[in-house]
N, C-alpha and C. Protein backbone atom coordinates (compact mmCIF):
# COMPACT_ATOMS: atom_id res chain seq x y z
N MET A 1 0.84 -1.18 0.00
CA MET A 1 0.00 0.00 0.00
C MET A 1 0.89 1.24 0.00
N ARG A 2 0.74 2.06 -1.03
CA ARG A 2 1.55 3.27 -1.15
C ARG A 2 0.86 4.43 -0.46
N MET A 3 1.67 5.26 0.11
CA MET A 3 1.14 6.45 0.77
C MET A 3 1.18 7.60 -0.22
N GLY A 4 0.02 8.22 -0.43
CA GLY A 4 -0.06 9.36 -1.32
C GLY A 4 0.39 10.64 -0.64
N ARG A 5 0.46 11.69 -1.42
CA ARG A 5 0.88 13.00 -0.90
C ARG A 5 -0.06 13.47 0.21
N ARG A 6 -1.37 13.28 0.00
CA ARG A 6 -2.36 13.68 1.01
C ARG A 6 -2.14 12.92 2.32
N ASP A 7 -1.92 11.61 2.19
CA ASP A 7 -1.69 10.79 3.38
C ASP A 7 -0.42 11.20 4.11
N ALA A 8 0.63 11.48 3.34
CA ALA A 8 1.90 11.90 3.95
C ALA A 8 1.72 13.22 4.69
N GLY A 9 0.95 14.14 4.10
CA GLY A 9 0.69 15.41 4.77
C GLY A 9 -0.08 15.21 6.07
N GLU A 10 -1.07 14.32 6.03
CA GLU A 10 -1.84 14.04 7.25
C GLU A 10 -0.96 13.43 8.33
N VAL A 11 -0.10 12.51 7.93
CA VAL A 11 0.79 11.89 8.90
C VAL A 11 1.70 12.93 9.53
N LEU A 12 2.27 13.80 8.71
CA LEU A 12 3.15 14.85 9.23
C LEU A 12 2.39 15.79 10.18
N ARG A 13 1.21 16.23 9.75
CA ARG A 13 0.41 17.12 10.62
C ARG A 13 -0.01 16.39 11.90
N PHE A 14 -0.32 15.10 11.79
CA PHE A 14 -0.69 14.31 12.97
C PHE A 14 0.47 14.25 13.95
N LEU A 15 1.67 14.07 13.44
CA LEU A 15 2.85 14.02 14.32
C LEU A 15 3.10 15.36 15.00
N VAL A 16 2.94 16.45 14.26
CA VAL A 16 3.13 17.78 14.83
C VAL A 16 2.07 18.05 15.91
N ALA A 17 0.81 17.84 15.56
CA ALA A 17 -0.28 18.07 16.52
C ALA A 17 -0.16 17.13 17.71
N GLY A 18 0.15 15.88 17.42
CA GLY A 18 0.31 14.90 18.49
C GLY A 18 1.48 15.23 19.40
N GLY A 19 2.53 15.76 18.81
CA GLY A 19 3.69 16.17 19.62
C GLY A 19 3.32 17.27 20.59
N ALA A 20 2.59 18.26 20.10
CA ALA A 20 2.16 19.35 20.97
C ALA A 20 1.21 18.86 22.05
N ASN A 21 0.24 18.06 21.64
CA ASN A 21 -0.73 17.53 22.58
C ASN A 21 -0.06 16.62 23.61
N THR A 22 0.84 15.78 23.14
CA THR A 22 1.54 14.86 24.03
C THR A 22 2.45 15.60 25.00
N ALA A 23 3.07 16.66 24.54
CA ALA A 23 3.94 17.44 25.43
C ALA A 23 3.16 18.00 26.61
N VAL A 24 1.96 18.48 26.34
CA VAL A 24 1.11 19.01 27.41
C VAL A 24 0.70 17.88 28.36
N ALA A 25 0.23 16.78 27.81
CA ALA A 25 -0.20 15.66 28.65
C ALA A 25 0.97 15.09 29.45
N TYR A 26 2.13 14.99 28.83
CA TYR A 26 3.32 14.46 29.51
C TYR A 26 3.75 15.40 30.63
N ALA A 27 3.68 16.70 30.39
CA ALA A 27 4.06 17.69 31.42
C ALA A 27 3.15 17.55 32.64
N VAL A 28 1.86 17.39 32.41
CA VAL A 28 0.93 17.19 33.52
C VAL A 28 1.27 15.91 34.26
N TYR A 29 1.54 14.84 33.53
CA TYR A 29 1.94 13.55 34.12
C TYR A 29 3.16 13.73 35.02
N LEU A 30 4.18 14.40 34.51
CA LEU A 30 5.40 14.58 35.31
C LEU A 30 5.16 15.46 36.54
N LEU A 31 4.33 16.49 36.39
CA LEU A 31 4.02 17.36 37.54
C LEU A 31 3.28 16.60 38.64
N LEU A 32 2.44 15.68 38.25
CA LEU A 32 1.63 14.94 39.23
C LEU A 32 2.32 13.70 39.77
N LEU A 33 3.36 13.24 39.11
CA LEU A 33 4.00 11.97 39.45
C LEU A 33 4.48 11.90 40.89
N ASP A 34 4.95 12.99 41.45
CA ASP A 34 5.42 12.99 42.84
C ASP A 34 4.29 13.03 43.85
N HIS A 35 3.06 13.24 43.40
CA HIS A 35 1.93 13.42 44.30
C HIS A 35 0.93 12.27 44.29
N MET A 36 1.08 11.35 43.34
CA MET A 36 0.11 10.25 43.24
C MET A 36 0.72 9.10 42.45
N ARG A 37 0.00 7.99 42.41
CA ARG A 37 0.46 6.83 41.64
C ARG A 37 0.56 7.20 40.16
N TYR A 38 1.48 6.56 39.48
CA TYR A 38 1.71 6.90 38.08
C TYR A 38 0.48 6.65 37.20
N GLU A 39 -0.35 5.65 37.52
CA GLU A 39 -1.55 5.39 36.72
C GLU A 39 -2.52 6.57 36.79
N LEU A 40 -2.72 7.12 37.99
CA LEU A 40 -3.63 8.24 38.15
C LEU A 40 -3.05 9.51 37.51
N ALA A 41 -1.76 9.72 37.67
CA ALA A 41 -1.11 10.86 37.03
C ALA A 41 -1.27 10.77 35.51
N TYR A 42 -1.14 9.58 34.98
CA TYR A 42 -1.33 9.37 33.54
C TYR A 42 -2.76 9.67 33.13
N ALA A 43 -3.73 9.19 33.88
CA ALA A 43 -5.14 9.40 33.54
C ALA A 43 -5.49 10.89 33.52
N ILE A 44 -5.01 11.63 34.49
CA ILE A 44 -5.30 13.06 34.55
C ILE A 44 -4.62 13.80 33.39
N GLY A 45 -3.36 13.51 33.16
CA GLY A 45 -2.65 14.12 32.04
C GLY A 45 -3.30 13.80 30.71
N TYR A 46 -3.76 12.59 30.58
CA TYR A 46 -4.43 12.15 29.36
C TYR A 46 -5.72 12.94 29.11
N CYS A 47 -6.49 13.12 30.17
CA CYS A 47 -7.74 13.88 30.05
C CYS A 47 -7.49 15.34 29.69
N VAL A 48 -6.42 15.91 30.20
CA VAL A 48 -6.09 17.29 29.87
C VAL A 48 -5.79 17.40 28.37
N GLY A 49 -5.09 16.43 27.83
CA GLY A 49 -4.72 16.47 26.43
C GLY A 49 -5.82 16.12 25.45
N ILE A 50 -6.80 15.34 25.86
CA ILE A 50 -7.82 14.85 24.92
C ILE A 50 -8.70 15.95 24.35
N ALA A 51 -8.98 16.98 25.12
CA ALA A 51 -9.82 18.07 24.63
C ALA A 51 -9.16 18.79 23.46
N VAL A 52 -7.87 18.96 23.54
CA VAL A 52 -7.13 19.63 22.47
C VAL A 52 -7.00 18.71 21.25
N ALA A 53 -6.92 17.43 21.48
CA ALA A 53 -6.69 16.48 20.40
C ALA A 53 -7.78 16.52 19.33
N TYR A 54 -9.03 16.64 19.74
CA TYR A 54 -10.11 16.66 18.76
C TYR A 54 -10.03 17.90 17.87
N VAL A 55 -9.85 19.04 18.49
CA VAL A 55 -9.78 20.29 17.72
C VAL A 55 -8.61 20.25 16.76
N LEU A 56 -7.44 19.84 17.23
CA LEU A 56 -6.27 19.77 16.36
C LEU A 56 -6.47 18.74 15.24
N SER A 57 -7.06 17.61 15.57
CA SER A 57 -7.27 16.56 14.56
C SER A 57 -8.23 17.03 13.47
N ALA A 58 -9.33 17.62 13.88
CA ALA A 58 -10.33 18.04 12.90
C ALA A 58 -9.84 19.22 12.06
N MET A 59 -9.37 20.24 12.72
CA MET A 59 -9.06 21.50 12.03
C MET A 59 -7.68 21.50 11.35
N PHE A 60 -6.70 20.91 11.97
CA PHE A 60 -5.33 20.99 11.47
C PHE A 60 -4.90 19.72 10.74
N VAL A 61 -5.08 18.57 11.36
CA VAL A 61 -4.56 17.33 10.79
C VAL A 61 -5.36 16.90 9.56
N PHE A 62 -6.65 16.68 9.74
CA PHE A 62 -7.48 16.14 8.67
C PHE A 62 -8.27 17.22 7.93
N GLN A 63 -8.19 18.45 8.41
CA GLN A 63 -8.79 19.62 7.78
C GLN A 63 -10.26 19.40 7.39
N ARG A 64 -11.01 18.98 8.39
CA ARG A 64 -12.44 18.76 8.24
C ARG A 64 -13.16 19.59 9.27
N PRO A 65 -14.37 20.03 8.97
CA PRO A 65 -15.13 20.76 9.98
C PRO A 65 -15.48 19.84 11.15
N MET A 66 -15.49 20.42 12.32
CA MET A 66 -15.87 19.65 13.49
C MET A 66 -17.38 19.43 13.43
N GLY A 67 -17.80 18.24 13.76
CA GLY A 67 -19.22 17.92 13.74
C GLY A 67 -19.63 17.21 15.01
N VAL A 68 -20.90 17.21 15.25
CA VAL A 68 -21.43 16.57 16.45
C VAL A 68 -21.13 15.08 16.44
N ARG A 69 -21.34 14.44 15.29
CA ARG A 69 -21.12 12.99 15.21
C ARG A 69 -19.66 12.62 15.46
N SER A 70 -18.74 13.31 14.79
CA SER A 70 -17.33 12.97 14.99
C SER A 70 -16.87 13.36 16.39
N ALA A 71 -17.39 14.45 16.92
CA ALA A 71 -17.02 14.85 18.29
C ALA A 71 -17.52 13.83 19.30
N ALA A 72 -18.68 13.26 19.05
CA ALA A 72 -19.22 12.25 19.97
C ALA A 72 -18.45 10.93 19.88
N ARG A 73 -17.98 10.59 18.68
CA ARG A 73 -17.28 9.33 18.48
C ARG A 73 -15.78 9.43 18.76
N PHE A 74 -15.23 10.62 18.63
CA PHE A 74 -13.79 10.80 18.76
C PHE A 74 -13.22 10.32 20.09
N PRO A 75 -13.88 10.57 21.21
CA PRO A 75 -13.32 10.07 22.47
C PRO A 75 -13.13 8.54 22.51
N LEU A 76 -13.86 7.82 21.68
CA LEU A 76 -13.68 6.37 21.63
C LEU A 76 -12.28 6.00 21.14
N VAL A 77 -11.74 6.81 20.23
CA VAL A 77 -10.37 6.59 19.77
C VAL A 77 -9.42 6.68 20.95
N TYR A 78 -9.63 7.71 21.74
CA TYR A 78 -8.71 7.93 22.85
C TYR A 78 -8.99 7.02 24.03
N LEU A 79 -10.19 6.49 24.13
CA LEU A 79 -10.45 5.45 25.12
C LEU A 79 -9.68 4.19 24.74
N ALA A 80 -9.74 3.82 23.46
CA ALA A 80 -8.98 2.65 22.99
C ALA A 80 -7.48 2.88 23.18
N GLN A 81 -7.01 4.07 22.84
CA GLN A 81 -5.60 4.36 23.01
C GLN A 81 -5.21 4.40 24.48
N PHE A 82 -6.07 4.96 25.32
CA PHE A 82 -5.80 5.01 26.75
C PHE A 82 -5.63 3.61 27.32
N LEU A 83 -6.56 2.72 26.99
CA LEU A 83 -6.50 1.36 27.52
C LEU A 83 -5.26 0.62 27.01
N ALA A 84 -4.98 0.76 25.72
CA ALA A 84 -3.79 0.12 25.16
C ALA A 84 -2.52 0.71 25.78
N SER A 85 -2.49 2.04 25.93
CA SER A 85 -1.32 2.70 26.51
C SER A 85 -1.12 2.33 27.97
N LEU A 86 -2.21 2.25 28.70
CA LEU A 86 -2.10 1.88 30.11
C LEU A 86 -1.54 0.47 30.25
N LEU A 87 -1.99 -0.43 29.39
CA LEU A 87 -1.46 -1.80 29.40
C LEU A 87 0.04 -1.81 29.11
N VAL A 88 0.44 -1.09 28.07
CA VAL A 88 1.86 -1.02 27.72
C VAL A 88 2.65 -0.33 28.84
N LEU A 89 2.10 0.74 29.41
CA LEU A 89 2.75 1.45 30.51
C LEU A 89 3.00 0.52 31.69
N ARG A 90 1.96 -0.21 32.08
CA ARG A 90 2.11 -1.12 33.22
C ARG A 90 3.11 -2.24 32.92
N MET A 91 3.05 -2.79 31.72
CA MET A 91 4.01 -3.84 31.34
C MET A 91 5.44 -3.29 31.36
N ALA A 92 5.61 -2.08 30.84
CA ALA A 92 6.95 -1.48 30.81
C ALA A 92 7.49 -1.27 32.21
N VAL A 93 6.65 -0.74 33.10
CA VAL A 93 7.10 -0.45 34.47
C VAL A 93 7.27 -1.73 35.29
N GLU A 94 6.26 -2.58 35.27
CA GLU A 94 6.22 -3.71 36.20
C GLU A 94 6.90 -4.98 35.69
N MET A 95 6.94 -5.17 34.39
CA MET A 95 7.53 -6.39 33.86
C MET A 95 8.92 -6.16 33.26
N LEU A 96 9.11 -5.01 32.66
CA LEU A 96 10.37 -4.74 31.96
C LEU A 96 11.28 -3.80 32.73
N ASP A 97 10.82 -3.31 33.88
CA ASP A 97 11.60 -2.41 34.72
C ASP A 97 12.06 -1.14 34.01
N VAL A 98 11.23 -0.65 33.08
CA VAL A 98 11.50 0.63 32.44
C VAL A 98 11.22 1.72 33.49
N PRO A 99 12.08 2.71 33.63
CA PRO A 99 11.82 3.78 34.60
C PRO A 99 10.46 4.44 34.33
N ARG A 100 9.76 4.78 35.40
CA ARG A 100 8.42 5.37 35.26
C ARG A 100 8.40 6.60 34.39
N TRP A 101 9.45 7.43 34.47
CA TRP A 101 9.48 8.66 33.69
C TRP A 101 9.62 8.38 32.20
N LEU A 102 10.16 7.24 31.82
CA LEU A 102 10.37 6.88 30.43
C LEU A 102 9.29 5.96 29.88
N ALA A 103 8.60 5.27 30.76
CA ALA A 103 7.62 4.26 30.34
C ALA A 103 6.48 4.85 29.51
N LEU A 104 6.08 6.05 29.81
CA LEU A 104 5.00 6.65 29.03
C LEU A 104 5.44 6.91 27.59
N ALA A 105 6.67 7.29 27.38
CA ALA A 105 7.18 7.50 26.02
C ALA A 105 7.14 6.19 25.23
N VAL A 106 7.50 5.10 25.85
CA VAL A 106 7.43 3.79 25.21
C VAL A 106 5.99 3.48 24.83
N SER A 107 5.08 3.72 25.75
CA SER A 107 3.67 3.46 25.52
C SER A 107 3.12 4.28 24.36
N ILE A 108 3.48 5.53 24.30
CA ILE A 108 3.03 6.42 23.22
C ILE A 108 3.54 5.91 21.87
N ALA A 109 4.79 5.54 21.81
CA ALA A 109 5.37 5.06 20.55
C ALA A 109 4.66 3.80 20.04
N VAL A 110 4.30 2.93 20.95
CA VAL A 110 3.64 1.68 20.57
C VAL A 110 2.22 1.91 20.06
N THR A 111 1.50 2.85 20.66
CA THR A 111 0.08 3.04 20.31
C THR A 111 -0.17 4.12 19.25
N LEU A 112 0.84 4.84 18.85
CA LEU A 112 0.68 5.95 17.90
C LEU A 112 0.04 5.54 16.57
N PRO A 113 0.49 4.48 15.91
CA PRO A 113 -0.13 4.13 14.62
C PRO A 113 -1.63 3.82 14.74
N MET A 114 -2.03 3.12 15.78
CA MET A 114 -3.44 2.81 16.00
C MET A 114 -4.24 4.10 16.17
N THR A 115 -3.72 5.04 16.91
CA THR A 115 -4.42 6.29 17.17
C THR A 115 -4.61 7.09 15.88
N PHE A 116 -3.59 7.15 15.04
CA PHE A 116 -3.70 7.86 13.77
C PHE A 116 -4.80 7.25 12.90
N LEU A 117 -4.77 5.95 12.73
CA LEU A 117 -5.73 5.30 11.84
C LEU A 117 -7.16 5.43 12.35
N LEU A 118 -7.37 5.27 13.63
CA LEU A 118 -8.72 5.41 14.18
C LEU A 118 -9.20 6.86 14.10
N SER A 119 -8.33 7.81 14.40
CA SER A 119 -8.69 9.23 14.32
C SER A 119 -9.10 9.60 12.91
N ARG A 120 -8.32 9.20 11.96
CA ARG A 120 -8.61 9.51 10.57
C ARG A 120 -9.96 8.93 10.14
N ARG A 121 -10.20 7.71 10.55
CA ARG A 121 -11.47 7.06 10.17
C ARG A 121 -12.67 7.83 10.73
N ILE A 122 -12.58 8.24 11.98
CA ILE A 122 -13.72 8.93 12.61
C ILE A 122 -13.89 10.34 12.06
N ILE A 123 -12.82 11.08 11.92
CA ILE A 123 -12.92 12.46 11.43
C ILE A 123 -13.41 12.50 9.98
N ARG A 124 -12.98 11.55 9.18
CA ARG A 124 -13.37 11.53 7.77
C ARG A 124 -14.78 11.00 7.54
N SER A 125 -15.31 10.23 8.48
CA SER A 125 -16.63 9.64 8.26
C SER A 125 -17.71 10.72 8.35
N ARG A 126 -18.75 10.52 7.65
CA ARG A 126 -19.85 11.49 7.62
C ARG A 126 -21.01 10.99 8.44
């Protein structure tokens, strides 16, 4: 399967938007890490970032108008990503002894392709 110019542009914009969104969520995670368990710090940071993710995905990444249907379905992408990321995060910390501060980066890298494909499908659907 070849990637067209449009697809390549979406991937690039997704990485830029995701980088900005992830930086905010990761910063919240790190700020909270000393005050609570890493799972809860991750959940709060994740929720902070999810609101921005929809706007960036619709307006910047996929360049589609925001709609009620896609806005209602979009959190399902991030629920799937949250659950997959939490599983990878826990495995990294508890089974592989990855440092807690680095484990979230591993989790993000593993779940990124799934998040892109699901986001694109929901934003593009009518």
